N, C-alpha and C. Protein backbone atom coordinates (compact mmCIF):
# COMPACT_ATOMS: atom_id res chain seq x y z
N MET A 1 -59.29 -82.39 -70.80
CA MET A 1 -58.65 -82.57 -69.51
C MET A 1 -57.67 -83.73 -69.54
N GLY A 2 -58.00 -84.79 -70.31
CA GLY A 2 -57.17 -85.98 -70.37
C GLY A 2 -55.87 -85.77 -71.12
N PHE A 3 -55.78 -84.77 -71.99
CA PHE A 3 -54.56 -84.57 -72.78
C PHE A 3 -53.55 -83.71 -72.05
N LYS A 4 -53.88 -83.12 -70.91
CA LYS A 4 -52.98 -82.20 -70.21
C LYS A 4 -51.77 -82.92 -69.64
N LEU A 5 -51.95 -84.13 -69.09
CA LEU A 5 -50.83 -84.86 -68.51
C LEU A 5 -49.78 -85.23 -69.56
N PRO A 6 -50.17 -85.83 -70.71
CA PRO A 6 -49.14 -86.11 -71.73
C PRO A 6 -48.47 -84.84 -72.25
N LEU A 7 -49.22 -83.77 -72.41
CA LEU A 7 -48.64 -82.51 -72.87
C LEU A 7 -47.66 -81.97 -71.84
N LEU A 8 -48.03 -82.07 -70.55
CA LEU A 8 -47.16 -81.61 -69.48
C LEU A 8 -45.86 -82.44 -69.46
N LEU A 9 -45.99 -83.75 -69.61
CA LEU A 9 -44.80 -84.61 -69.65
C LEU A 9 -43.90 -84.27 -70.84
N LEU A 10 -44.50 -84.02 -71.99
CA LEU A 10 -43.74 -83.63 -73.17
C LEU A 10 -42.98 -82.33 -72.93
N LEU A 11 -43.66 -81.35 -72.35
CA LEU A 11 -43.01 -80.07 -72.05
C LEU A 11 -41.87 -80.24 -71.05
N LEU A 12 -42.07 -81.07 -70.04
CA LEU A 12 -41.00 -81.32 -69.06
C LEU A 12 -39.80 -81.99 -69.72
N CYS A 13 -40.05 -82.92 -70.64
CA CYS A 13 -38.94 -83.57 -71.37
C CYS A 13 -38.18 -82.55 -72.21
N ILE A 14 -38.89 -81.69 -72.91
CA ILE A 14 -38.26 -80.67 -73.75
C ILE A 14 -37.43 -79.72 -72.89
N ILE A 15 -37.98 -79.30 -71.75
CA ILE A 15 -37.26 -78.39 -70.86
C ILE A 15 -36.01 -79.06 -70.31
N SER A 16 -36.10 -80.32 -69.90
CA SER A 16 -34.93 -81.00 -69.34
C SER A 16 -33.85 -81.19 -70.41
N LEU A 17 -34.26 -81.48 -71.65
CA LEU A 17 -33.28 -81.59 -72.72
C LEU A 17 -32.62 -80.26 -73.03
N SER A 18 -33.38 -79.18 -72.95
CA SER A 18 -32.80 -77.87 -73.25
C SER A 18 -31.87 -77.40 -72.15
N LEU A 19 -32.04 -77.91 -70.94
CA LEU A 19 -31.15 -77.53 -69.85
C LEU A 19 -29.80 -78.23 -69.95
N THR A 20 -29.74 -79.35 -70.65
CA THR A 20 -28.47 -80.02 -70.88
C THR A 20 -27.66 -79.15 -71.83
N SER A 21 -26.42 -78.92 -71.49
CA SER A 21 -25.57 -78.04 -72.29
C SER A 21 -25.54 -78.48 -73.75
N SER A 22 -25.74 -77.54 -74.65
CA SER A 22 -25.66 -77.86 -76.08
C SER A 22 -24.24 -78.21 -76.48
N ALA A 23 -23.26 -77.83 -75.66
CA ALA A 23 -21.88 -78.12 -75.96
C ALA A 23 -21.50 -79.53 -75.53
N ALA A 24 -22.38 -80.20 -74.81
CA ALA A 24 -22.07 -81.54 -74.32
C ALA A 24 -22.20 -82.56 -75.44
N TYR A 25 -21.44 -83.62 -75.29
CA TYR A 25 -21.50 -84.73 -76.23
C TYR A 25 -22.08 -85.92 -75.48
N ARG A 26 -23.09 -86.54 -76.03
CA ARG A 26 -23.70 -87.71 -75.41
C ARG A 26 -23.29 -88.94 -76.21
N SER A 27 -22.67 -89.90 -75.52
CA SER A 27 -22.25 -91.13 -76.19
C SER A 27 -23.46 -92.00 -76.46
N LYS A 28 -23.27 -93.06 -77.25
CA LYS A 28 -24.36 -93.98 -77.54
C LYS A 28 -24.85 -94.68 -76.28
N LYS A 29 -23.99 -94.78 -75.28
CA LYS A 29 -24.38 -95.42 -74.02
C LYS A 29 -25.00 -94.42 -73.05
N GLY A 30 -25.17 -93.17 -73.49
CA GLY A 30 -25.84 -92.17 -72.66
C GLY A 30 -24.94 -91.32 -71.80
N LYS A 31 -23.65 -91.63 -71.74
CA LYS A 31 -22.74 -90.82 -70.93
C LYS A 31 -22.57 -89.44 -71.57
N VAL A 32 -22.62 -88.41 -70.74
CA VAL A 32 -22.50 -87.03 -71.22
C VAL A 32 -21.08 -86.54 -70.97
N TYR A 33 -20.46 -86.05 -72.04
CA TYR A 33 -19.12 -85.47 -71.94
C TYR A 33 -19.23 -83.97 -72.19
N LYS A 34 -18.62 -83.19 -71.32
CA LYS A 34 -18.60 -81.74 -71.52
C LYS A 34 -17.19 -81.33 -71.91
N PRO A 35 -17.10 -80.32 -72.77
CA PRO A 35 -15.76 -79.89 -73.20
C PRO A 35 -14.95 -79.31 -72.05
N CYS A 36 -13.65 -79.56 -72.10
CA CYS A 36 -12.74 -78.99 -71.10
C CYS A 36 -12.23 -77.62 -71.54
N LYS A 37 -12.36 -77.32 -72.84
CA LYS A 37 -11.95 -76.01 -73.36
C LYS A 37 -12.75 -75.73 -74.62
N GLU A 38 -13.17 -74.46 -74.77
CA GLU A 38 -13.92 -74.04 -75.95
C GLU A 38 -13.33 -72.74 -76.49
N LEU A 39 -13.28 -72.65 -77.82
CA LEU A 39 -12.78 -71.45 -78.50
C LEU A 39 -13.63 -71.20 -79.74
N VAL A 40 -13.81 -69.95 -80.09
CA VAL A 40 -14.41 -69.59 -81.37
C VAL A 40 -13.41 -68.67 -82.06
N LEU A 41 -12.97 -69.09 -83.25
CA LEU A 41 -11.99 -68.34 -84.02
C LEU A 41 -12.46 -68.25 -85.47
N PHE A 42 -11.91 -67.29 -86.20
CA PHE A 42 -12.22 -67.10 -87.61
C PHE A 42 -10.93 -67.16 -88.40
N PHE A 43 -10.97 -67.83 -89.55
CA PHE A 43 -9.82 -67.68 -90.43
C PHE A 43 -10.26 -67.26 -91.81
N HIS A 44 -9.38 -66.46 -92.42
CA HIS A 44 -9.68 -65.72 -93.64
C HIS A 44 -8.77 -66.21 -94.75
N ASP A 45 -9.35 -66.73 -95.83
CA ASP A 45 -8.60 -67.33 -96.93
C ASP A 45 -8.77 -66.48 -98.19
N VAL A 46 -7.67 -66.01 -98.74
CA VAL A 46 -7.68 -65.24 -99.98
C VAL A 46 -6.84 -66.01 -101.00
N ILE A 47 -7.51 -66.60 -101.98
CA ILE A 47 -6.82 -67.45 -102.96
C ILE A 47 -6.18 -66.57 -104.05
N TYR A 48 -4.93 -66.84 -104.33
CA TYR A 48 -4.21 -66.13 -105.39
C TYR A 48 -4.88 -66.39 -106.73
N ASN A 49 -5.20 -65.30 -107.45
CA ASN A 49 -5.87 -65.44 -108.75
C ASN A 49 -5.07 -64.82 -109.89
N GLY A 50 -3.79 -64.58 -109.66
CA GLY A 50 -2.94 -63.98 -110.69
C GLY A 50 -2.90 -62.46 -110.62
N LYS A 51 -3.80 -61.86 -109.84
CA LYS A 51 -3.87 -60.39 -109.76
C LYS A 51 -3.78 -59.87 -108.33
N ASN A 52 -3.85 -60.73 -107.34
CA ASN A 52 -3.95 -60.27 -105.95
C ASN A 52 -2.78 -60.73 -105.08
N ALA A 53 -1.59 -60.77 -105.63
CA ALA A 53 -0.42 -61.24 -104.89
C ALA A 53 -0.18 -60.44 -103.62
N HIS A 54 -0.58 -59.17 -103.58
CA HIS A 54 -0.34 -58.32 -102.42
C HIS A 54 -1.09 -58.76 -101.17
N ASN A 55 -2.22 -59.48 -101.32
CA ASN A 55 -2.94 -59.90 -100.11
C ASN A 55 -3.37 -61.37 -100.13
N ALA A 56 -2.89 -62.14 -101.10
CA ALA A 56 -3.25 -63.56 -101.16
C ALA A 56 -2.63 -64.31 -99.99
N THR A 57 -3.41 -65.25 -99.41
CA THR A 57 -2.93 -66.07 -98.31
C THR A 57 -2.98 -67.55 -98.67
N ALA A 58 -3.43 -67.86 -99.89
CA ALA A 58 -3.54 -69.25 -100.35
C ALA A 58 -3.24 -69.30 -101.83
N THR A 59 -2.77 -70.47 -102.27
CA THR A 59 -2.49 -70.64 -103.68
C THR A 59 -2.76 -72.07 -104.11
N ILE A 60 -3.18 -72.22 -105.35
CA ILE A 60 -3.42 -73.54 -105.92
C ILE A 60 -2.07 -74.17 -106.20
N ILE A 61 -1.80 -75.32 -105.61
CA ILE A 61 -0.50 -75.97 -105.81
C ILE A 61 -0.62 -77.24 -106.64
N GLY A 62 -1.85 -77.65 -106.94
CA GLY A 62 -2.03 -78.86 -107.74
C GLY A 62 -3.37 -78.86 -108.42
N GLY A 63 -3.44 -79.60 -109.50
CA GLY A 63 -4.68 -79.74 -110.25
C GLY A 63 -4.50 -80.75 -111.36
N ALA A 64 -5.52 -80.90 -112.15
CA ALA A 64 -5.46 -81.83 -113.29
C ALA A 64 -4.36 -81.39 -114.25
N ALA A 65 -3.85 -82.33 -115.01
CA ALA A 65 -2.80 -82.03 -115.98
C ALA A 65 -3.24 -80.88 -116.88
N GLY A 66 -2.39 -79.90 -117.01
CA GLY A 66 -2.67 -78.76 -117.87
C GLY A 66 -3.57 -77.71 -117.26
N SER A 67 -3.95 -77.88 -116.00
CA SER A 67 -4.85 -76.90 -115.40
C SER A 67 -4.11 -75.61 -115.06
N ASN A 68 -4.87 -74.56 -114.95
CA ASN A 68 -4.36 -73.23 -114.63
C ASN A 68 -4.22 -73.12 -113.12
N ARG A 69 -3.07 -72.68 -112.61
CA ARG A 69 -2.83 -72.59 -111.17
C ARG A 69 -3.39 -71.29 -110.56
N THR A 70 -4.08 -70.48 -111.36
CA THR A 70 -4.67 -69.26 -110.81
C THR A 70 -6.19 -69.27 -110.91
N ILE A 71 -6.77 -70.30 -111.49
CA ILE A 71 -8.23 -70.40 -111.61
C ILE A 71 -8.65 -71.78 -111.16
N LEU A 72 -9.57 -71.86 -110.21
CA LEU A 72 -10.08 -73.15 -109.76
C LEU A 72 -10.86 -73.81 -110.89
N THR A 73 -10.75 -75.13 -111.02
CA THR A 73 -11.41 -75.85 -112.10
C THR A 73 -12.92 -75.83 -111.94
N SER A 74 -13.60 -76.00 -113.05
CA SER A 74 -15.06 -76.02 -113.05
C SER A 74 -15.53 -77.46 -113.19
N PRO A 75 -16.68 -77.82 -112.75
CA PRO A 75 -17.62 -76.97 -112.05
C PRO A 75 -17.45 -76.98 -110.53
N TYR A 76 -16.79 -77.99 -109.94
CA TYR A 76 -16.70 -78.10 -108.47
C TYR A 76 -15.28 -78.09 -107.94
N HIS A 77 -14.36 -77.59 -108.72
CA HIS A 77 -12.94 -77.48 -108.34
C HIS A 77 -12.28 -78.84 -108.11
N PHE A 78 -12.88 -79.91 -108.60
CA PHE A 78 -12.37 -81.25 -108.36
C PHE A 78 -10.90 -81.37 -108.77
N GLY A 79 -10.11 -81.90 -107.86
CA GLY A 79 -8.69 -82.13 -108.13
C GLY A 79 -7.77 -80.99 -107.72
N ASN A 80 -8.31 -79.81 -107.47
CA ASN A 80 -7.45 -78.71 -107.03
C ASN A 80 -6.96 -78.93 -105.61
N ILE A 81 -5.70 -78.65 -105.39
CA ILE A 81 -5.09 -78.70 -104.06
C ILE A 81 -4.61 -77.29 -103.75
N VAL A 82 -4.99 -76.79 -102.59
CA VAL A 82 -4.66 -75.42 -102.21
C VAL A 82 -3.89 -75.44 -100.89
N ALA A 83 -2.74 -74.76 -100.86
CA ALA A 83 -1.98 -74.56 -99.63
C ALA A 83 -2.31 -73.17 -99.11
N PHE A 84 -2.38 -73.05 -97.79
CA PHE A 84 -2.75 -71.74 -97.23
C PHE A 84 -1.97 -71.41 -95.97
N ASP A 85 -1.87 -70.11 -95.72
CA ASP A 85 -1.26 -69.53 -94.53
C ASP A 85 -2.13 -68.32 -94.19
N ASP A 86 -3.26 -68.57 -93.54
CA ASP A 86 -4.30 -67.57 -93.33
C ASP A 86 -4.26 -66.95 -91.94
N PRO A 87 -4.60 -65.68 -91.83
CA PRO A 87 -4.71 -65.07 -90.50
C PRO A 87 -5.92 -65.61 -89.75
N ILE A 88 -5.75 -65.76 -88.42
CA ILE A 88 -6.83 -66.16 -87.53
C ILE A 88 -7.16 -64.94 -86.67
N THR A 89 -8.46 -64.63 -86.56
CA THR A 89 -8.89 -63.52 -85.72
C THR A 89 -9.95 -64.01 -84.72
N LEU A 90 -10.21 -63.18 -83.72
CA LEU A 90 -11.23 -63.51 -82.72
C LEU A 90 -12.63 -63.14 -83.19
N ASP A 91 -12.70 -62.31 -84.24
CA ASP A 91 -14.01 -61.93 -84.79
C ASP A 91 -13.94 -62.04 -86.31
N ASN A 92 -14.99 -61.64 -86.98
CA ASN A 92 -15.04 -61.84 -88.44
C ASN A 92 -14.44 -60.68 -89.23
N ASN A 93 -13.64 -59.84 -88.59
CA ASN A 93 -13.01 -58.71 -89.25
C ASN A 93 -11.67 -59.15 -89.87
N PHE A 94 -11.62 -59.15 -91.20
CA PHE A 94 -10.40 -59.53 -91.92
C PHE A 94 -9.20 -58.69 -91.48
N HIS A 95 -9.46 -57.43 -91.13
CA HIS A 95 -8.38 -56.53 -90.74
C HIS A 95 -8.18 -56.48 -89.23
N GLY A 96 -8.86 -57.36 -88.49
CA GLY A 96 -8.68 -57.43 -87.05
C GLY A 96 -7.29 -57.94 -86.70
N LYS A 97 -6.91 -57.74 -85.45
CA LYS A 97 -5.58 -58.17 -85.02
C LYS A 97 -5.51 -59.70 -85.02
N PRO A 98 -4.60 -60.28 -85.80
CA PRO A 98 -4.48 -61.75 -85.82
C PRO A 98 -3.99 -62.28 -84.48
N VAL A 99 -4.53 -63.44 -84.09
CA VAL A 99 -4.07 -64.13 -82.89
C VAL A 99 -3.25 -65.36 -83.26
N GLY A 100 -3.08 -65.56 -84.56
CA GLY A 100 -2.30 -66.69 -85.04
C GLY A 100 -2.50 -66.89 -86.53
N ARG A 101 -2.07 -68.06 -87.01
CA ARG A 101 -2.17 -68.39 -88.43
C ARG A 101 -2.79 -69.78 -88.57
N ALA A 102 -3.58 -69.96 -89.63
CA ALA A 102 -4.08 -71.27 -90.02
C ALA A 102 -3.21 -71.71 -91.19
N GLN A 103 -2.53 -72.84 -91.04
CA GLN A 103 -1.61 -73.29 -92.09
C GLN A 103 -1.90 -74.75 -92.43
N GLY A 104 -1.95 -75.02 -93.73
CA GLY A 104 -2.19 -76.39 -94.16
C GLY A 104 -2.63 -76.44 -95.59
N LEU A 105 -3.50 -77.42 -95.88
CA LEU A 105 -4.00 -77.55 -97.24
C LEU A 105 -5.40 -78.10 -97.24
N TYR A 106 -6.07 -77.85 -98.37
CA TYR A 106 -7.35 -78.50 -98.62
C TYR A 106 -7.36 -78.93 -100.06
N LEU A 107 -8.03 -80.05 -100.30
CA LEU A 107 -8.14 -80.52 -101.67
C LEU A 107 -9.60 -80.81 -101.96
N TYR A 108 -10.01 -80.35 -103.13
CA TYR A 108 -11.39 -80.55 -103.56
C TYR A 108 -11.52 -81.99 -104.08
N ASP A 109 -12.40 -82.76 -103.45
CA ASP A 109 -12.45 -84.20 -103.71
C ASP A 109 -13.82 -84.73 -104.12
N LYS A 110 -14.72 -83.87 -104.54
CA LYS A 110 -16.06 -84.32 -104.95
C LYS A 110 -16.28 -83.98 -106.42
N LEU A 111 -16.83 -84.95 -107.15
CA LEU A 111 -17.13 -84.74 -108.57
C LEU A 111 -18.48 -84.07 -108.81
N ASP A 112 -19.43 -84.28 -107.88
CA ASP A 112 -20.80 -83.86 -108.13
C ASP A 112 -21.30 -82.70 -107.28
N THR A 113 -20.49 -82.17 -106.40
CA THR A 113 -20.85 -81.01 -105.59
C THR A 113 -19.56 -80.45 -104.98
N PHE A 114 -19.67 -79.34 -104.27
CA PHE A 114 -18.49 -78.77 -103.62
C PHE A 114 -18.20 -79.54 -102.34
N GLY A 115 -16.99 -80.07 -102.25
CA GLY A 115 -16.55 -80.79 -101.07
C GLY A 115 -15.04 -80.80 -101.05
N ALA A 116 -14.48 -80.87 -99.85
CA ALA A 116 -13.03 -80.83 -99.72
C ALA A 116 -12.58 -81.73 -98.57
N TRP A 117 -11.31 -82.03 -98.57
CA TRP A 117 -10.66 -82.71 -97.46
C TRP A 117 -9.66 -81.72 -96.89
N LEU A 118 -9.63 -81.58 -95.57
CA LEU A 118 -8.78 -80.60 -94.92
C LEU A 118 -7.72 -81.27 -94.05
N GLY A 119 -6.57 -80.69 -94.03
CA GLY A 119 -5.50 -81.04 -93.10
C GLY A 119 -4.77 -79.75 -92.76
N PHE A 120 -4.92 -79.26 -91.52
CA PHE A 120 -4.30 -77.97 -91.20
C PHE A 120 -4.09 -77.83 -89.70
N SER A 121 -3.35 -76.79 -89.34
CA SER A 121 -3.08 -76.46 -87.94
C SER A 121 -3.38 -75.00 -87.69
N PHE A 122 -3.86 -74.71 -86.51
CA PHE A 122 -3.93 -73.33 -86.02
C PHE A 122 -2.67 -73.12 -85.19
N LEU A 123 -1.87 -72.14 -85.56
CA LEU A 123 -0.69 -71.77 -84.79
C LEU A 123 -1.04 -70.50 -84.05
N LEU A 124 -1.30 -70.64 -82.76
CA LEU A 124 -1.76 -69.50 -81.96
C LEU A 124 -0.60 -68.93 -81.16
N ASN A 125 -0.53 -67.61 -81.15
CA ASN A 125 0.53 -66.91 -80.42
C ASN A 125 -0.03 -65.59 -79.95
N SER A 126 -0.84 -65.65 -78.91
CA SER A 126 -1.44 -64.44 -78.37
C SER A 126 -1.24 -64.45 -76.86
N THR A 127 -1.72 -63.41 -76.20
CA THR A 127 -1.61 -63.38 -74.74
C THR A 127 -2.51 -64.43 -74.10
N GLN A 128 -3.58 -64.85 -74.81
CA GLN A 128 -4.50 -65.84 -74.26
C GLN A 128 -4.05 -67.28 -74.49
N HIS A 129 -3.51 -67.56 -75.69
CA HIS A 129 -3.18 -68.94 -76.05
C HIS A 129 -1.89 -69.01 -76.85
N LYS A 130 -1.08 -70.02 -76.51
CA LYS A 130 0.14 -70.29 -77.27
C LYS A 130 0.19 -71.79 -77.55
N GLY A 131 0.44 -72.12 -78.81
CA GLY A 131 0.53 -73.52 -79.19
C GLY A 131 -0.21 -73.78 -80.48
N THR A 132 -0.34 -75.05 -80.82
CA THR A 132 -1.01 -75.43 -82.06
C THR A 132 -2.22 -76.31 -81.75
N ILE A 133 -3.18 -76.27 -82.67
CA ILE A 133 -4.31 -77.20 -82.67
C ILE A 133 -4.33 -77.80 -84.07
N ASN A 134 -4.36 -79.13 -84.15
CA ASN A 134 -4.29 -79.82 -85.44
C ASN A 134 -5.65 -80.40 -85.82
N PHE A 135 -6.04 -80.20 -87.08
CA PHE A 135 -7.35 -80.61 -87.58
C PHE A 135 -7.18 -81.50 -88.81
N ILE A 136 -8.14 -82.41 -88.99
CA ILE A 136 -8.14 -83.23 -90.19
C ILE A 136 -9.56 -83.74 -90.43
N GLY A 137 -9.96 -83.80 -91.71
CA GLY A 137 -11.25 -84.39 -92.00
C GLY A 137 -11.91 -83.87 -93.25
N ALA A 138 -13.07 -84.46 -93.53
CA ALA A 138 -13.86 -84.10 -94.70
C ALA A 138 -14.62 -82.80 -94.42
N ASP A 139 -14.81 -82.01 -95.47
CA ASP A 139 -15.53 -80.75 -95.37
C ASP A 139 -16.59 -80.69 -96.47
N PRO A 140 -17.79 -81.21 -96.19
CA PRO A 140 -18.87 -81.12 -97.18
C PRO A 140 -19.38 -79.67 -97.24
N LEU A 141 -18.80 -78.90 -98.13
CA LEU A 141 -18.96 -77.45 -98.16
C LEU A 141 -20.40 -76.95 -98.27
N MET A 142 -21.29 -77.74 -98.80
CA MET A 142 -22.66 -77.28 -98.99
C MET A 142 -23.50 -77.41 -97.72
N GLU A 143 -22.97 -78.04 -96.69
CA GLU A 143 -23.66 -78.14 -95.41
C GLU A 143 -23.46 -76.83 -94.64
N LYS A 144 -24.48 -76.43 -93.88
CA LYS A 144 -24.38 -75.19 -93.11
C LYS A 144 -23.26 -75.28 -92.08
N THR A 145 -23.19 -76.41 -91.36
CA THR A 145 -22.10 -76.64 -90.41
C THR A 145 -21.50 -78.00 -90.71
N ARG A 146 -20.19 -78.10 -90.47
CA ARG A 146 -19.47 -79.34 -90.70
C ARG A 146 -18.55 -79.58 -89.51
N ASP A 147 -18.43 -80.84 -89.11
CA ASP A 147 -17.55 -81.18 -88.00
C ASP A 147 -16.23 -81.73 -88.52
N ILE A 148 -15.14 -81.17 -88.02
CA ILE A 148 -13.78 -81.58 -88.37
C ILE A 148 -13.13 -82.08 -87.08
N SER A 149 -12.38 -83.16 -87.17
CA SER A 149 -11.73 -83.73 -85.99
C SER A 149 -10.55 -82.88 -85.54
N VAL A 150 -10.45 -82.67 -84.23
CA VAL A 150 -9.25 -82.10 -83.62
C VAL A 150 -8.43 -83.31 -83.19
N VAL A 151 -7.24 -83.45 -83.76
CA VAL A 151 -6.47 -84.68 -83.57
C VAL A 151 -5.19 -84.50 -82.76
N GLY A 152 -4.97 -83.32 -82.22
CA GLY A 152 -3.78 -83.12 -81.41
C GLY A 152 -3.45 -81.65 -81.28
N GLY A 153 -2.34 -81.40 -80.63
CA GLY A 153 -1.89 -80.03 -80.45
C GLY A 153 -0.62 -79.97 -79.65
N THR A 154 -0.14 -78.75 -79.45
CA THR A 154 1.06 -78.51 -78.67
C THR A 154 0.81 -77.33 -77.75
N GLY A 155 1.76 -77.04 -76.86
CA GLY A 155 1.64 -75.89 -75.98
C GLY A 155 0.39 -75.97 -75.11
N ASP A 156 -0.41 -74.90 -75.11
CA ASP A 156 -1.65 -74.88 -74.32
C ASP A 156 -2.64 -75.95 -74.74
N PHE A 157 -2.42 -76.55 -75.90
CA PHE A 157 -3.34 -77.55 -76.45
C PHE A 157 -2.66 -78.92 -76.59
N PHE A 158 -1.66 -79.18 -75.73
CA PHE A 158 -0.89 -80.42 -75.80
C PHE A 158 -1.81 -81.63 -75.83
N MET A 159 -1.69 -82.44 -76.89
CA MET A 159 -2.44 -83.68 -77.07
C MET A 159 -3.95 -83.50 -77.02
N ALA A 160 -4.43 -82.34 -77.44
CA ALA A 160 -5.86 -82.05 -77.40
C ALA A 160 -6.63 -82.96 -78.37
N ARG A 161 -7.84 -83.31 -77.98
CA ARG A 161 -8.74 -84.08 -78.84
C ARG A 161 -10.12 -83.44 -78.73
N GLY A 162 -10.82 -83.42 -79.85
CA GLY A 162 -12.15 -82.84 -79.82
C GLY A 162 -12.72 -82.69 -81.21
N VAL A 163 -13.59 -81.70 -81.34
CA VAL A 163 -14.26 -81.47 -82.62
C VAL A 163 -14.33 -79.97 -82.87
N ALA A 164 -14.20 -79.60 -84.13
CA ALA A 164 -14.36 -78.21 -84.53
C ALA A 164 -15.55 -78.15 -85.47
N THR A 165 -16.53 -77.37 -85.10
CA THR A 165 -17.69 -77.17 -85.97
C THR A 165 -17.39 -75.96 -86.84
N VAL A 166 -17.31 -76.20 -88.13
CA VAL A 166 -16.91 -75.19 -89.10
C VAL A 166 -18.15 -74.71 -89.85
N SER A 167 -18.24 -73.40 -90.04
CA SER A 167 -19.30 -72.85 -90.89
C SER A 167 -18.71 -71.75 -91.75
N THR A 168 -19.19 -71.65 -92.97
CA THR A 168 -18.73 -70.59 -93.86
C THR A 168 -19.44 -69.31 -93.44
N ASP A 169 -18.66 -68.36 -92.93
CA ASP A 169 -19.20 -67.12 -92.41
C ASP A 169 -19.40 -66.10 -93.53
N SER A 170 -18.56 -66.19 -94.58
CA SER A 170 -18.65 -65.27 -95.70
C SER A 170 -17.84 -65.82 -96.86
N PHE A 171 -18.22 -65.47 -98.08
CA PHE A 171 -17.39 -65.80 -99.23
C PHE A 171 -17.67 -64.80 -100.34
N GLU A 172 -16.65 -64.58 -101.17
CA GLU A 172 -16.75 -63.69 -102.32
C GLU A 172 -16.19 -64.45 -103.52
N GLY A 173 -17.09 -65.03 -104.30
CA GLY A 173 -16.68 -65.79 -105.48
C GLY A 173 -15.72 -66.90 -105.12
N ASP A 174 -14.73 -67.11 -105.98
CA ASP A 174 -13.73 -68.15 -105.74
C ASP A 174 -12.45 -67.59 -105.14
N VAL A 175 -12.47 -66.35 -104.68
CA VAL A 175 -11.24 -65.71 -104.21
C VAL A 175 -11.15 -65.63 -102.69
N TYR A 176 -12.25 -65.31 -102.00
CA TYR A 176 -12.20 -65.10 -100.55
C TYR A 176 -13.28 -65.89 -99.85
N PHE A 177 -12.90 -66.50 -98.72
CA PHE A 177 -13.90 -67.03 -97.81
C PHE A 177 -13.39 -66.89 -96.38
N ARG A 178 -14.35 -66.83 -95.47
CA ARG A 178 -14.05 -66.73 -94.04
C ARG A 178 -14.80 -67.85 -93.35
N LEU A 179 -14.09 -68.61 -92.53
CA LEU A 179 -14.69 -69.70 -91.78
C LEU A 179 -14.75 -69.36 -90.30
N ARG A 180 -15.89 -69.66 -89.72
CA ARG A 180 -16.04 -69.60 -88.27
C ARG A 180 -15.75 -71.01 -87.76
N VAL A 181 -14.86 -71.12 -86.79
CA VAL A 181 -14.47 -72.42 -86.26
C VAL A 181 -14.77 -72.44 -84.77
N ASP A 182 -15.77 -73.23 -84.40
CA ASP A 182 -16.21 -73.37 -83.01
C ASP A 182 -15.57 -74.65 -82.48
N ILE A 183 -14.54 -74.50 -81.66
CA ILE A 183 -13.72 -75.63 -81.22
C ILE A 183 -14.15 -76.06 -79.82
N LYS A 184 -14.41 -77.35 -79.68
CA LYS A 184 -14.72 -77.94 -78.38
C LYS A 184 -13.73 -79.08 -78.15
N LEU A 185 -12.90 -78.92 -77.13
CA LEU A 185 -11.92 -79.94 -76.80
C LEU A 185 -12.46 -80.80 -75.66
N TYR A 186 -12.35 -82.11 -75.83
CA TYR A 186 -12.84 -83.05 -74.82
C TYR A 186 -11.72 -83.77 -74.11
N GLU A 187 -10.49 -83.62 -74.59
CA GLU A 187 -9.30 -84.11 -73.89
C GLU A 187 -8.33 -82.95 -73.78
N CYS A 188 -8.09 -82.53 -72.57
CA CYS A 188 -7.16 -81.42 -72.30
C CYS A 188 -6.15 -81.90 -71.25
N TRP A 189 -4.90 -81.57 -71.45
CA TRP A 189 -3.86 -81.97 -70.51
C TRP A 189 -3.40 -80.78 -69.73
């Protein structure tokens, strides 16, 4: 009988925490910030491997001296720099109608595991959204989800600030990957 009150209080705490929006950001001082705009988009990256020029959307533009520009270096692609111009879709269908392009670069920057640094923009041109969203940050590829900073934008996303939670939705060897990008903007103009 004596343990029911602490158990009840614990359950009430869990319920109250679950009622707080998972999309909210809580500062160290306890202030809760809710996003002013949210989007979920997918981008599809097909790296040129010397045989797939007809559908490649990315290419290796840099690497160690003497490296092959059609094969990522082993074991963790360290030093490779890839430029991309990938289609963005609303779902995970590579052949779905694009709502824009993801353009930029990533460079593999870890010696002991897969990791990259990203700098890119989403150029959106659909009936729902027009403008750019700019991203920059580290991408520890072995993590299930990774947060990338949203550092600005234009058009519908003028001066946007926020975070994009990135997850690898699919990959096929070193040639294709699809990222799910869950964008939460906390500064909207």
